[in-house]
Amino acid sequence: MGSPKGFLLVLIKPSHYDDDGYVIQWIRSAIPSNTLAVLNGLALDCAERRVLGDDVPITVDLYDETNTVLSIPSIIRKMKGYAAGMVGLVGVQTNQFPRAVDVAERFRLANIPVVIGGFHVSGSVAMLPKLPRDIEAAGEKGISFFAGEAEGHLDEVLRDAHQGTLKPLYNFLNEGRSIEGAPPPFLPVDIVKNTFRRLSSFDGGRGCPFQCSFCTIINVQGRTSRYRSADDVERIIRANLQQGVGRFFITDDDFARNSNWEAILDRCIQLREEEGLVISFTAQVDVAAYKIPRFVEKCARAGCNNIFIGLESLNPDSLAGAKKRQNKIWQYKKMLQAWKDHGCTTVAGYILGFPTDTPDSIARDIEIIKNELPLDGLEFFCLTPLPGSEDHRKHVERGAWIEPDMNKYDLEHITMDHPRMSKEEWKRVYRDAWRQYYTDEHVERVLRRAAVKNQDIYKVMFLLLCLGGSIALEGIHPLEAGMFRRKVRKMRRPGMPLENPLSFYPRRVWEIVSLSVRWPSLVWKFFRILWRVQAQMQQPGEVDPAMVPAGEQKDEDLILLQVSRNTFPVEPISRETITSGSR
């Protein structure tokens, strides 16, 4: 065998540990990693340009741990067959940082260079006067870090890795580089096929103009819109269609504030209506996006028919305290009706744990949402001081308690104190919120609304099934969920005991058998609800407050508006109401 040649770049999107210490991974995961797609596109461009020299070819290997079991010994053996190489752990969020460090340490023990990038590192560098202890400790193990965006900088990192001179920290924050004409994000079909519904992704732009105190994006990507051109997006779409991929998640934090949104949508409309290409999109927008002339209409025509909206709260004081002043509660109903009138499915994010929240106020507000807003799905999150956010910096500055275990910063765990709820109350509120929204009664109500508007009722049903079932059956947030959980005995968090096979495998078999009964049972229940909706449409005289056009309803008829004006008292919601959906 000849001497090894070339450079192997291994890009890994890590997962994170569940409460039992096992890595969360699936046969099919829910959401693709756009950072992995971006870094792959940039790396392929570096390989094409031969940035390490004409005699040093670059090979790129991709791994998404949310849907792939990493065989680190196999990767190490493969890397030893090259003259040089590097491992990049990409898109690492705060809750994924402990797992990323554990993976990186195993490569460092084999003397392989490792760089960790993503929002945890970038946010910490951007907002804190010095690196937090978890990053410092990882650096002491010889791990390097990357803060900022890789466009225009990956060449330097690869050259340093090739020469064995990686810097401890690469800081490229606050540059605000244009991404127009940059190498496009791309995931090969072998990666995409491991996502539910073969979903790929791209960022049409970066940056958000708002100032939400809990957000990390504005402090890492900035508040100025930087965007890809319509030509860029068309190239991304066509490259994916060539490998049979036509569904995309547009990962802009707020696509409506991408200053090039109209040109991008016009191009997608052209591809769909003139060429007949089968493409569809999921996008994130803000509450006020519906007021932008032509925006909702063009989203629907372009195939952008799955919309995620940051509703966050019904309490004006909570929204003001979080600097989310763009959310006007009195616009919520009109906004959701605008999307529904164009056949779009809406899912909203709702944050639990603002300082003014109490168990009773949260339960009351969820009932208002169910009764008065024509929303399809609702996802709940615990208010979390994520590193990189203004909230986190303020907690650090005043020495307030925050959870030291970064693995828990997944928006599901309690990571700080609350002025009006104990930690146990907050945990219970989070669990109850899911049960309260995804009751059988409300699932039927949402499906009836979809039928009235001629939405794809099966699509809405499966959306509700996945959102409600992920928490109820898997105990995992829908954004981290997937199809058929993998659980590897030896992939347990360091410091936690390796379970005896005689106890691990029987329990795992029971889990699989139990879920193989419970999931079909839930599916059957949802189908029965759907068939009931199809067989018995809304009766004459029945009025759904959420479906009455906003302009035809008196303000005093909506509890939502009374709450927004602080004129409605907080009335407790009975335990019967909250738990009825779990029966």
Protein backbone atom coordinates (compact mmCIF):
# COMPACT_ATOMS: atom_id res chain seq x y z
CA MET A 1 0.00 0.00 0.00
CA GLY A 2 1.31 3.43 -0.92
CA SER A 3 1.76 6.26 1.56
CA PRO A 4 -1.48 7.92 2.66
CA LYS A 5 -2.47 11.02 0.78
CA GLY A 6 -5.13 13.64 1.00
CA PHE A 7 -7.08 15.28 3.79
CA LEU A 8 -10.24 13.88 5.38
CA LEU A 9 -12.69 16.37 6.84
CA VAL A 10 -15.31 14.73 9.07
CA LEU A 11 -18.31 16.92 9.88
CA ILE A 12 -20.55 15.74 12.72
CA LYS A 13 -23.81 17.23 13.96
CA PRO A 14 -24.05 15.90 17.54
CA SER A 15 -27.20 14.99 19.41
CA HIS A 16 -27.61 15.27 23.17
CA TYR A 17 -28.30 13.01 26.14
CA ASP A 18 -31.72 12.21 27.56
CA ASP A 19 -32.37 12.24 31.31
CA ASP A 20 -31.09 8.65 31.59
CA GLY A 21 -27.84 9.58 29.87
CA TYR A 22 -28.52 7.90 26.52
CA VAL A 23 -27.93 9.70 23.24
CA ILE A 24 -31.21 10.76 21.59
CA GLN A 25 -31.26 9.33 18.08
CA TRP A 26 -33.75 7.80 15.67
CA ILE A 27 -34.08 5.74 12.53
CA ARG A 28 -35.62 8.90 11.04
CA SER A 29 -35.13 12.28 12.73
CA ALA A 30 -37.54 15.19 12.47
CA ILE A 31 -35.43 18.09 11.25
CA PRO A 32 -32.27 18.24 9.11
CA SER A 33 -29.23 20.17 10.26
CA ASN A 34 -28.83 23.28 8.13
CA THR A 35 -25.40 23.98 9.63
CA LEU A 36 -24.27 20.58 8.40
CA ALA A 37 -25.61 21.49 4.95
CA VAL A 38 -23.86 24.88 5.00
CA LEU A 39 -20.52 23.47 6.13
CA ASN A 40 -20.74 20.68 3.59
CA GLY A 41 -21.33 23.19 0.80
CA LEU A 42 -18.39 25.29 1.93
CA ALA A 43 -16.15 22.24 2.32
CA LEU A 44 -17.00 20.94 -1.16
CA ASP A 45 -16.10 24.38 -2.51
CA CYS A 46 -12.74 24.22 -0.66
CA ALA A 47 -12.12 20.78 -2.14
CA GLU A 48 -12.92 22.00 -5.65
CA ARG A 49 -10.57 24.98 -5.26
CA ARG A 50 -7.80 22.75 -3.84
CA VAL A 51 -7.18 25.13 -0.95
CA LEU A 52 -4.58 22.75 0.56
CA GLY A 53 -2.63 22.51 -2.66
CA ASP A 54 -3.08 20.79 -5.99
CA ASP A 55 -1.59 17.57 -4.61
CA VAL A 56 -3.87 17.42 -1.51
CA PRO A 57 -7.40 16.30 -2.36
CA ILE A 58 -10.02 16.91 0.32
CA THR A 59 -12.63 14.28 1.15
CA VAL A 60 -15.71 15.25 3.17
CA ASP A 61 -17.66 12.79 5.34
CA LEU A 62 -20.96 13.81 6.98
CA TYR A 63 -22.70 12.42 10.06
CA ASP A 64 -25.92 13.55 11.71
CA GLU A 65 -25.99 11.85 15.09
CA THR A 66 -29.71 12.46 15.53
CA ASN A 67 -30.31 9.69 12.98
CA THR A 68 -26.96 7.86 12.82
CA VAL A 69 -25.09 5.77 15.36
CA LEU A 70 -21.53 7.08 15.35
CA SER A 71 -18.86 4.42 15.16
CA ILE A 72 -15.99 6.53 16.40
CA PRO A 73 -13.39 3.72 16.18
CA SER A 74 -14.33 3.17 12.53
CA ILE A 75 -14.03 6.88 11.77
CA ILE A 76 -10.62 6.99 13.47
CA ARG A 77 -9.41 4.01 11.45
CA LYS A 78 -10.54 5.69 8.24
CA MET A 79 -8.81 8.94 9.18
CA LYS A 80 -5.55 7.09 9.79
CA GLY A 81 -5.62 6.18 6.10
CA TYR A 82 -5.17 9.83 5.15
CA ALA A 83 -2.11 12.04 5.44
CA ALA A 84 -4.08 14.47 7.60
CA GLY A 85 -7.59 15.24 8.72
CA MET A 86 -9.86 17.11 11.06
CA VAL A 87 -13.15 16.56 12.85
CA GLY A 88 -15.62 19.44 12.96
CA LEU A 89 -18.54 19.27 15.39
CA VAL A 90 -20.95 21.70 13.78
CA GLY A 91 -24.10 23.57 14.75
CA VAL A 92 -23.56 22.65 18.40
CA GLN A 93 -26.33 24.10 20.53
CA THR A 94 -25.96 24.53 24.28
CA ASN A 95 -27.77 21.28 25.14
CA GLN A 96 -25.54 19.42 22.65
CA PHE A 97 -22.27 20.83 23.97
CA PRO A 98 -21.59 18.12 26.60
CA ARG A 99 -22.12 15.39 24.01
CA ALA A 100 -19.95 17.27 21.50
CA VAL A 101 -17.11 17.49 24.01
CA ASP A 102 -17.40 13.78 24.85
CA VAL A 103 -17.18 12.89 21.15
CA ALA A 104 -14.34 15.35 20.57
CA GLU A 105 -12.33 13.95 23.47
CA ARG A 106 -12.28 10.48 21.92
CA PHE A 107 -10.85 11.88 18.71
CA ARG A 108 -8.31 13.94 20.61
CA LEU A 109 -7.11 10.77 22.39
CA ALA A 110 -6.27 9.52 18.89
CA ASN A 111 -4.38 12.79 18.19
CA ILE A 112 -6.94 13.95 15.63
CA PRO A 113 -7.55 17.73 15.46
CA VAL A 114 -11.07 18.75 16.52
CA VAL A 115 -12.95 22.05 16.19
CA ILE A 116 -16.32 22.74 17.81
CA GLY A 117 -18.57 25.48 16.41
CA GLY A 118 -22.19 26.48 16.76
CA PHE A 119 -24.43 28.70 18.83
CA HIS A 120 -23.13 27.70 22.26
CA VAL A 121 -19.58 28.75 21.46
CA SER A 122 -20.57 31.74 19.34
CA GLY A 123 -23.16 32.99 21.82
CA SER A 124 -20.79 32.66 24.78
CA VAL A 125 -18.02 34.52 22.96
CA ALA A 126 -20.43 37.21 21.80
CA MET A 127 -22.09 37.99 25.14
CA LEU A 128 -19.72 37.09 27.98
CA PRO A 129 -16.53 38.91 29.08
CA LYS A 130 -14.66 35.61 29.30
CA LEU A 131 -15.21 32.05 28.19
CA PRO A 132 -17.39 29.99 30.53
CA ARG A 133 -15.79 27.15 32.44
CA ASP A 134 -17.27 24.38 30.26
CA ILE A 135 -15.56 25.78 27.15
CA GLU A 136 -12.31 26.44 29.01
CA ALA A 137 -12.27 22.86 30.32
CA ALA A 138 -12.80 21.49 26.81
CA GLY A 139 -9.98 23.71 25.53
CA GLU A 140 -7.66 22.19 28.11
CA LYS A 141 -8.22 18.86 26.36
CA GLY A 142 -6.81 20.28 23.12
CA ILE A 143 -10.15 21.05 21.48
CA SER A 144 -10.34 24.17 19.31
CA PHE A 145 -13.39 26.41 18.91
CA PHE A 146 -14.97 28.43 16.13
CA ALA A 147 -17.21 31.46 16.73
CA GLY A 148 -19.11 33.14 13.93
CA GLU A 149 -19.85 32.12 10.36
CA ALA A 150 -17.56 29.96 8.23
CA GLU A 151 -18.04 31.71 4.89
CA GLY A 152 -14.64 33.06 3.88
CA HIS A 153 -12.88 31.42 6.82
CA LEU A 154 -13.04 27.66 6.37
CA ASP A 155 -9.94 27.79 4.14
CA GLU A 156 -7.87 29.13 7.05
CA VAL A 157 -9.08 26.49 9.48
CA LEU A 158 -8.40 23.66 7.03
CA ARG A 159 -4.90 24.94 6.29
CA ASP A 160 -4.11 25.19 10.00
CA ALA A 161 -5.44 21.68 10.62
CA HIS A 162 -3.41 20.35 7.69
CA GLN A 163 -0.25 21.94 9.08
CA GLY A 164 -0.99 20.93 12.68
CA THR A 165 -1.29 24.53 13.87
CA LEU A 166 -4.94 24.90 14.86
CA LYS A 167 -5.60 27.95 17.02
CA PRO A 168 -7.45 27.51 20.33
CA LEU A 169 -10.20 29.91 19.16
CA TYR A 170 -11.27 31.32 15.80
CA ASN A 171 -13.41 34.37 16.39
CA PHE A 172 -15.17 35.74 13.30
CA LEU A 173 -18.19 37.28 15.00
CA ASN A 174 -19.66 40.65 14.03
CA GLU A 175 -18.41 40.56 10.47
CA GLY A 176 -21.85 40.63 8.84
CA ARG A 177 -20.58 39.14 5.58
CA SER A 178 -22.92 38.89 2.62
CA ILE A 179 -23.98 35.34 1.82
CA GLU A 180 -25.23 36.19 -1.68
CA GLY A 181 -23.32 34.04 -4.14
CA ALA A 182 -21.71 32.00 -1.36
CA PRO A 183 -21.34 28.23 -1.89
CA PRO A 184 -24.86 26.87 -1.35
CA PRO A 185 -25.84 24.57 1.54
CA PHE A 186 -26.29 20.99 0.40
CA LEU A 187 -26.98 17.62 2.01
CA PRO A 188 -26.60 14.46 -0.09
CA VAL A 189 -29.62 12.21 -0.31
CA ASP A 190 -27.92 9.61 1.91
CA ILE A 191 -28.24 12.11 4.75
CA VAL A 192 -31.63 13.53 3.77
CA LYS A 193 -33.26 10.09 3.55
CA ASN A 194 -32.68 9.69 7.27
CA THR A 195 -35.07 12.55 8.03
CA PHE A 196 -38.81 12.17 8.33
CA ARG A 197 -40.44 12.94 4.94
CA ARG A 198 -36.99 13.34 3.26
CA LEU A 199 -36.68 16.95 4.35
CA SER A 200 -33.68 19.11 3.45
CA SER A 201 -32.97 22.71 4.40
CA PHE A 202 -31.36 26.00 3.47
CA ASP A 203 -31.09 29.46 4.94
CA GLY A 204 -32.51 32.09 2.63
CA GLY A 205 -31.00 34.75 4.85
CA ARG A 206 -29.52 35.50 8.23
CA GLY A 207 -30.14 38.15 10.85
CA CYS A 208 -33.27 39.34 12.62
CA PRO A 209 -34.21 42.99 13.28
CA PHE A 210 -35.99 42.37 16.59
CA GLN A 211 -34.54 42.44 20.11
CA CYS A 212 -36.08 39.51 22.02
CA SER A 213 -34.11 39.12 25.25
CA PHE A 214 -34.31 35.30 25.20
CA CYS A 215 -32.95 35.04 21.63
CA THR A 216 -29.38 34.10 20.71
CA ILE A 217 -29.68 34.63 16.95
CA ILE A 218 -29.53 38.42 17.06
CA ASN A 219 -26.27 38.31 19.01
CA VAL A 220 -24.61 35.74 16.75
CA GLN A 221 -25.97 36.47 13.28
CA GLY A 222 -26.78 40.14 13.89
CA ARG A 223 -29.87 42.23 13.30
CA THR A 224 -29.20 43.18 9.67
CA SER A 225 -30.70 41.07 6.90
CA ARG A 226 -28.14 39.24 4.79
CA TYR A 227 -29.65 37.05 2.14
CA ARG A 228 -29.14 34.64 -0.70
CA SER A 229 -30.32 35.71 -4.13
CA ALA A 230 -33.21 34.10 -6.00
CA ASP A 231 -30.58 32.53 -8.30
CA ASP A 232 -28.84 31.04 -5.24
CA VAL A 233 -32.10 29.52 -3.98
CA GLU A 234 -33.00 28.15 -7.41
CA ARG A 235 -29.62 26.40 -7.61
CA ILE A 236 -30.22 24.85 -4.20
CA ILE A 237 -33.68 23.63 -5.21
CA ARG A 238 -32.58 22.19 -8.54
CA ALA A 239 -29.58 20.42 -7.00
CA ASN A 240 -31.89 18.74 -4.50
CA LEU A 241 -34.54 17.86 -7.08
CA GLN A 242 -31.86 16.01 -9.05
CA GLN A 243 -31.53 13.63 -6.09
CA GLY A 244 -35.28 13.36 -5.54
CA VAL A 245 -35.61 15.86 -2.69
CA GLY A 246 -38.31 18.51 -2.96
CA ARG A 247 -39.23 19.39 0.62
CA PHE A 248 -37.31 22.12 2.42
CA PHE A 249 -37.10 23.80 5.78
CA ILE A 250 -36.16 27.46 5.32
CA THR A 251 -34.18 28.02 8.50
CA ASP A 252 -34.22 31.83 8.59
CA ASP A 253 -35.18 32.84 12.12
CA ASP A 254 -37.74 35.13 10.50
CA PHE A 255 -38.16 34.65 6.75
CA ALA A 256 -40.57 37.61 6.56
CA ARG A 257 -37.72 39.95 7.54
CA ASN A 258 -35.41 38.59 4.86
CA SER A 259 -35.19 41.67 2.66
CA ASN A 260 -35.09 39.44 -0.42
CA TRP A 261 -38.19 37.39 0.48
CA GLU A 262 -40.25 38.52 -2.51
CA ALA A 263 -37.65 37.72 -5.14
CA ILE A 264 -37.12 34.29 -3.57
CA LEU A 265 -40.84 33.54 -3.45
CA ASP A 266 -41.37 34.81 -7.00
CA ARG A 267 -38.71 32.41 -8.23
CA CYS A 268 -40.29 29.51 -6.35
CA ILE A 269 -43.69 30.42 -7.80
CA GLN A 270 -42.17 30.38 -11.27
CA LEU A 271 -40.64 26.95 -10.66
CA ARG A 272 -43.96 25.58 -9.43
CA GLU A 273 -46.44 27.26 -11.78
CA GLU A 274 -44.48 27.49 -15.00
CA GLU A 275 -42.27 24.40 -14.79
CA GLY A 276 -44.54 22.25 -12.65
CA LEU A 277 -41.81 21.36 -10.18
CA VAL A 278 -43.08 19.69 -7.02
CA ILE A 279 -41.55 21.64 -4.15
CA SER A 280 -42.81 22.68 -0.72
CA PHE A 281 -41.42 24.59 2.22
CA THR A 282 -41.67 25.14 5.95
CA ALA A 283 -40.74 28.62 7.18
CA GLN A 284 -40.58 30.64 10.38
CA VAL A 285 -42.18 34.08 10.47
CA ASP A 286 -43.21 36.67 13.03
CA VAL A 287 -46.73 37.54 14.12
CA ALA A 288 -46.88 40.75 12.05
CA ALA A 289 -45.70 39.11 8.81
CA TYR A 290 -49.27 38.81 7.54
CA LYS A 291 -49.44 42.62 7.27
CA ILE A 292 -46.68 42.72 4.64
CA PRO A 293 -48.41 43.25 1.28
CA ARG A 294 -48.49 40.06 -0.85
CA PHE A 295 -46.42 38.06 1.67
CA VAL A 296 -48.99 35.47 2.76
CA GLU A 297 -50.39 35.05 -0.76
CA LYS A 298 -46.97 34.52 -2.29
CA CYS A 299 -45.90 32.11 0.45
CA ALA A 300 -48.92 29.95 -0.34
CA ARG A 301 -48.34 30.08 -4.10
CA ALA A 302 -44.65 29.27 -3.65
CA GLY A 303 -45.49 26.11 -1.69
CA CYS A 304 -44.54 27.58 1.66
CA ASN A 305 -47.60 26.13 3.34
CA ASN A 306 -46.20 25.10 6.73
CA ILE A 307 -45.68 28.14 8.93
CA PHE A 308 -44.07 28.36 12.37
CA ILE A 309 -44.89 31.49 14.38
CA GLY A 310 -43.39 32.68 17.65
CA LEU A 311 -46.59 33.46 19.54
CA GLU A 312 -44.72 33.20 22.87
CA SER A 313 -47.39 34.57 25.25
CA LEU A 314 -50.81 36.19 25.66
CA ASN A 315 -49.55 38.45 28.43
CA PRO A 316 -48.54 41.94 27.21
CA ASP A 317 -46.30 42.46 30.23
CA SER A 318 -44.42 39.25 29.50
CA LEU A 319 -43.91 40.22 25.87
CA ALA A 320 -42.75 43.71 26.80
CA GLY A 321 -40.38 42.34 29.45
CA ALA A 322 -38.81 40.06 26.86
CA LYS A 323 -38.56 42.95 24.37
CA LYS A 324 -40.86 41.10 21.98
CA ARG A 325 -42.75 44.28 21.26
CA GLN A 326 -43.55 43.22 17.69
CA ASN A 327 -46.16 40.78 19.03
CA LYS A 328 -49.51 42.56 19.27
CA ILE A 329 -52.00 40.22 20.90
CA TRP A 330 -55.00 41.83 19.25
CA GLN A 331 -53.49 40.83 15.88
CA TYR A 332 -53.18 37.12 16.71
CA LYS A 333 -56.60 36.06 15.46
CA LYS A 334 -56.54 38.10 12.25
CA MET A 335 -53.03 36.88 11.54
CA LEU A 336 -53.89 33.19 11.93
CA GLN A 337 -57.06 33.59 9.87
CA ALA A 338 -54.99 35.13 7.05
CA TRP A 339 -52.73 32.08 6.91
CA LYS A 340 -55.67 29.67 7.16
CA ASP A 341 -57.55 31.51 4.38
CA HIS A 342 -54.60 30.67 2.11
CA GLY A 343 -54.57 26.99 3.08
CA CYS A 344 -51.45 27.17 5.23
CA THR A 345 -50.92 25.03 8.30
CA THR A 346 -49.76 26.98 11.34
CA VAL A 347 -47.74 25.87 14.35
CA ALA A 348 -46.89 28.34 17.11
CA GLY A 349 -44.27 28.35 19.81
CA TYR A 350 -45.45 29.25 23.31
CA ILE A 351 -43.06 30.00 26.17
CA LEU A 352 -43.89 29.00 29.74
CA GLY A 353 -42.19 30.70 32.65
CA PHE A 354 -42.22 34.44 32.05
CA PRO A 355 -41.96 36.27 35.40
CA THR A 356 -45.69 37.09 35.39
CA ASP A 357 -46.77 33.49 34.68
CA THR A 358 -48.53 31.32 37.23
CA PRO A 359 -50.00 27.82 36.82
CA ASP A 360 -53.51 29.31 36.70
CA SER A 361 -52.68 32.08 34.22
CA ILE A 362 -50.94 29.62 31.88
CA ALA A 363 -53.85 27.15 32.00
CA ARG A 364 -56.32 29.99 31.37
CA ASP A 365 -54.34 31.33 28.40
CA ILE A 366 -54.13 27.91 26.77
CA GLU A 367 -57.91 27.60 26.96
CA ILE A 368 -58.24 31.02 25.32
CA ILE A 369 -55.91 29.95 22.52
CA LYS A 370 -57.91 26.76 21.97
CA ASN A 371 -61.24 28.54 21.89
CA GLU A 372 -60.48 31.80 20.11
CA LEU A 373 -57.44 31.33 17.83
CA PRO A 374 -57.60 29.20 14.63
CA LEU A 375 -54.20 27.68 15.31
CA ASP A 376 -53.34 24.15 14.23
CA GLY A 377 -50.42 23.03 16.39
CA LEU A 378 -48.88 24.50 19.52
CA GLU A 379 -45.39 23.72 20.86
CA PHE A 380 -44.46 24.58 24.43
CA PHE A 381 -41.04 25.66 25.69
CA CYS A 382 -39.69 26.60 29.09
CA LEU A 383 -38.14 30.05 29.26
CA THR A 384 -34.41 29.34 29.24
CA PRO A 385 -31.42 31.69 29.67
CA LEU A 386 -29.49 30.35 26.69
CA PRO A 387 -25.83 31.38 26.48
CA GLY A 388 -25.72 34.05 23.81
CA SER A 389 -28.94 35.71 24.94
CA GLU A 390 -29.39 38.93 26.87
CA ASP A 391 -31.27 36.96 29.55
CA HIS A 392 -28.26 34.70 30.14
CA ARG A 393 -25.81 37.59 30.33
CA LYS A 394 -27.97 39.37 32.91
CA HIS A 395 -28.22 36.23 35.03
CA VAL A 396 -24.44 35.85 34.96
CA GLU A 397 -23.85 39.52 35.77
CA ARG A 398 -26.04 39.48 38.87
CA GLY A 399 -24.85 36.06 40.02
CA ALA A 400 -28.31 34.47 39.87
CA TRP A 401 -28.61 30.70 39.96
CA ILE A 402 -28.70 28.99 36.59
CA GLU A 403 -28.45 25.28 35.86
CA PRO A 404 -24.76 24.26 35.56
CA ASP A 405 -25.45 21.21 33.35
CA MET A 406 -25.54 22.47 29.76
CA ASN A 407 -27.26 19.24 28.65
CA LYS A 408 -30.47 20.54 30.24
CA TYR A 409 -30.65 23.71 28.14
CA ASP A 410 -33.06 22.08 25.68
CA LEU A 411 -36.04 24.37 26.49
CA GLU A 412 -37.75 21.50 28.32
CA HIS A 413 -35.89 21.53 31.63
CA ILE A 414 -36.00 24.16 34.36
CA THR A 415 -32.68 26.01 34.30
CA MET A 416 -33.36 29.07 36.49
CA ASP A 417 -35.49 30.19 39.41
CA HIS A 418 -38.96 31.66 38.92
CA PRO A 419 -40.46 34.39 41.13
CA ARG A 420 -43.95 32.85 41.28
CA MET A 421 -43.48 29.12 40.73
CA SER A 422 -41.33 26.47 42.34
CA LYS A 423 -39.29 24.23 40.07
CA GLU A 424 -41.74 21.38 40.64
CA GLU A 425 -44.70 23.62 39.80
CA TRP A 426 -42.96 24.78 36.63
CA LYS A 427 -42.23 21.21 35.59
CA ARG A 428 -45.84 20.23 36.20
CA VAL A 429 -47.09 23.26 34.24
CA TYR A 430 -44.97 22.20 31.27
CA ARG A 431 -46.32 18.64 31.28
CA ASP A 432 -49.91 19.80 31.84
CA ALA A 433 -49.75 22.32 28.99
CA TRP A 434 -49.26 19.58 26.41
CA ARG A 435 -52.10 17.50 27.84
CA GLN A 436 -54.38 20.51 28.02
CA TYR A 437 -53.93 21.49 24.38
CA TYR A 438 -53.91 18.02 22.76
CA THR A 439 -57.19 16.75 24.15
CA ASP A 440 -59.44 14.62 21.95
CA GLU A 441 -61.99 17.42 21.97
CA HIS A 442 -59.52 20.01 20.74
CA VAL A 443 -58.02 17.71 18.10
CA GLU A 444 -61.54 17.34 16.72
CA ARG A 445 -62.06 21.09 16.85
CA VAL A 446 -58.84 21.78 14.90
CA LEU A 447 -59.77 19.18 12.27
CA ARG A 448 -63.22 20.72 11.85
CA ARG A 449 -61.63 24.11 11.27
CA ALA A 450 -59.31 22.58 8.69
CA ALA A 451 -62.26 20.92 6.92
CA VAL A 452 -64.17 24.21 6.78
CA LYS A 453 -61.21 25.85 5.03
CA ASN A 454 -60.59 22.88 2.73
CA GLN A 455 -57.16 22.25 4.18
CA ASP A 456 -55.58 18.83 3.81
CA ILE A 457 -57.29 17.31 6.83
CA TYR A 458 -55.02 14.24 6.82
CA LYS A 459 -51.95 16.45 6.91
CA VAL A 460 -53.34 18.41 9.86
CA MET A 461 -54.23 15.18 11.65
CA PHE A 462 -50.70 13.77 11.30
CA LEU A 463 -49.28 17.08 12.47
CA LEU A 464 -51.34 16.93 15.66
CA LEU A 465 -50.51 13.25 16.06
CA CYS A 466 -46.76 13.89 15.88
CA LEU A 467 -46.83 16.94 18.14
CA GLY A 468 -49.02 15.45 20.83
CA GLY A 469 -47.70 11.91 20.58
CA SER A 470 -44.02 12.81 20.87
CA ILE A 471 -44.51 14.14 24.37
CA ALA A 472 -47.25 11.76 25.48
CA LEU A 473 -45.57 8.54 24.30
CA GLU A 474 -41.87 9.22 23.78
CA GLY A 475 -41.43 11.91 26.43
CA ILE A 476 -39.38 13.95 23.96
CA HIS A 477 -40.11 17.37 22.48
CA PRO A 478 -41.35 17.19 18.85
CA LEU A 479 -38.34 19.19 17.62
CA GLU A 480 -36.08 16.41 18.91
CA ALA A 481 -38.38 13.52 18.06
CA GLY A 482 -38.36 11.11 15.16
CA MET A 483 -39.40 7.70 13.98
CA PHE A 484 -38.34 4.69 16.10
CA ARG A 485 -35.92 5.58 18.87
CA ARG A 486 -32.47 4.08 18.83
CA LYS A 487 -30.92 3.44 22.21
CA VAL A 488 -27.40 2.00 22.35
CA ARG A 489 -26.33 0.55 25.70
CA LYS A 490 -22.71 1.65 25.43
CA MET A 491 -23.57 5.17 24.27
CA ARG A 492 -24.22 6.53 27.73
CA ARG A 493 -23.02 9.79 29.20
CA PRO A 494 -19.63 9.49 30.90
CA GLY A 495 -20.01 9.38 34.65
CA MET A 496 -23.19 7.34 34.45
CA PRO A 497 -22.83 3.57 34.98
CA LEU A 498 -22.90 1.23 32.01
CA GLU A 499 -25.99 -0.91 32.50
CA ASN A 500 -25.85 -4.66 32.76
CA PRO A 501 -27.07 -6.27 29.51
CA LEU A 502 -29.40 -8.50 31.53
CA SER A 503 -31.30 -5.44 32.74
CA PHE A 504 -30.85 -3.09 29.78
CA TYR A 505 -32.04 -5.31 26.94
CA PRO A 506 -35.22 -6.76 28.57
CA ARG A 507 -36.28 -3.23 29.52
CA ARG A 508 -35.51 -1.98 26.01
CA VAL A 509 -37.55 -4.80 24.48
CA TRP A 510 -40.45 -3.88 26.76
CA GLU A 511 -40.17 -0.22 25.71
CA ILE A 512 -40.31 -1.18 22.04
CA VAL A 513 -43.23 -3.56 22.51
CA SER A 514 -45.12 -1.01 24.59
CA LEU A 515 -44.62 1.77 22.04
CA SER A 516 -45.51 -0.57 19.18
CA VAL A 517 -48.92 -0.93 20.85
CA ARG A 518 -49.40 2.63 22.10
CA TRP A 519 -48.51 4.41 18.84
CA PRO A 520 -50.98 2.39 16.68
CA SER A 521 -53.61 2.89 19.37
CA LEU A 522 -53.10 6.66 19.23
CA VAL A 523 -53.13 6.62 15.43
CA TRP A 524 -56.39 4.65 15.47
CA LYS A 525 -57.93 7.15 17.91
CA PHE A 526 -56.95 10.08 15.68
CA PHE A 527 -58.38 8.38 12.61
CA ARG A 528 -61.66 7.81 14.43
CA ILE A 529 -61.77 11.52 15.24
CA LEU A 530 -61.00 12.40 11.62
CA TRP A 531 -63.72 10.08 10.30
CA ARG A 532 -66.19 11.59 12.73
CA VAL A 533 -65.34 15.05 11.41
CA GLN A 534 -65.77 13.89 7.82
CA ALA A 535 -69.09 12.22 8.58
CA GLN A 536 -70.58 15.06 10.58
CA MET A 537 -69.70 18.55 9.45
CA GLN A 538 -70.45 21.64 11.53
CA GLN A 539 -74.14 21.88 12.37
CA PRO A 540 -76.24 24.94 11.47
CA GLY A 541 -76.23 27.42 14.30
CA GLU A 542 -72.90 26.24 15.70
CA VAL A 543 -70.41 29.08 16.00
CA ASP A 544 -66.67 28.60 16.45
CA PRO A 545 -65.34 31.91 17.84
CA ALA A 546 -61.95 31.29 16.23
CA MET A 547 -63.49 31.07 12.75
CA VAL A 548 -65.65 34.21 12.90
CA PRO A 549 -63.87 36.82 10.73
CA ALA A 550 -61.98 39.23 12.94
CA GLY A 551 -63.80 42.24 11.52
CA GLU A 552 -67.21 40.79 12.31
CA GLN A 553 -66.67 40.19 15.99
CA LYS A 554 -67.05 42.62 18.88
CA ASP A 555 -64.00 43.08 21.06
CA GLU A 556 -66.00 42.39 24.20
CA ASP A 557 -66.89 38.93 22.84
CA LEU A 558 -63.23 37.84 22.89
CA ILE A 559 -61.63 36.92 26.20
CA LEU A 560 -58.31 37.19 24.36
CA LEU A 561 -58.71 40.95 24.03
CA GLN A 562 -59.85 41.35 27.61
CA VAL A 563 -56.72 39.58 28.78
CA SER A 564 -54.51 41.71 26.54
CA ARG A 565 -55.94 44.81 28.16
CA ASN A 566 -55.47 43.37 31.64
CA THR A 567 -59.21 43.56 32.36
CA PHE A 568 -59.88 39.84 32.70
CA PRO A 569 -59.26 38.17 36.07
CA VAL A 570 -57.17 35.04 36.29
CA GLU A 571 -59.57 32.18 36.98
CA PRO A 572 -58.20 28.74 37.84
CA ILE A 573 -58.64 26.02 35.24
CA SER A 574 -59.81 22.74 36.70
CA ARG A 575 -57.54 19.69 36.77
CA GLU A 576 -60.32 17.92 34.82
CA THR A 577 -59.84 20.32 31.90
CA ILE A 578 -56.07 19.87 31.86
CA THR A 579 -55.95 16.09 32.07
CA SER A 580 -58.98 15.13 29.99
CA GLY A 581 -56.86 14.59 26.88
CA SER A 582 -54.73 11.92 28.52
CA ARG A 583 -57.61 9.57 29.16
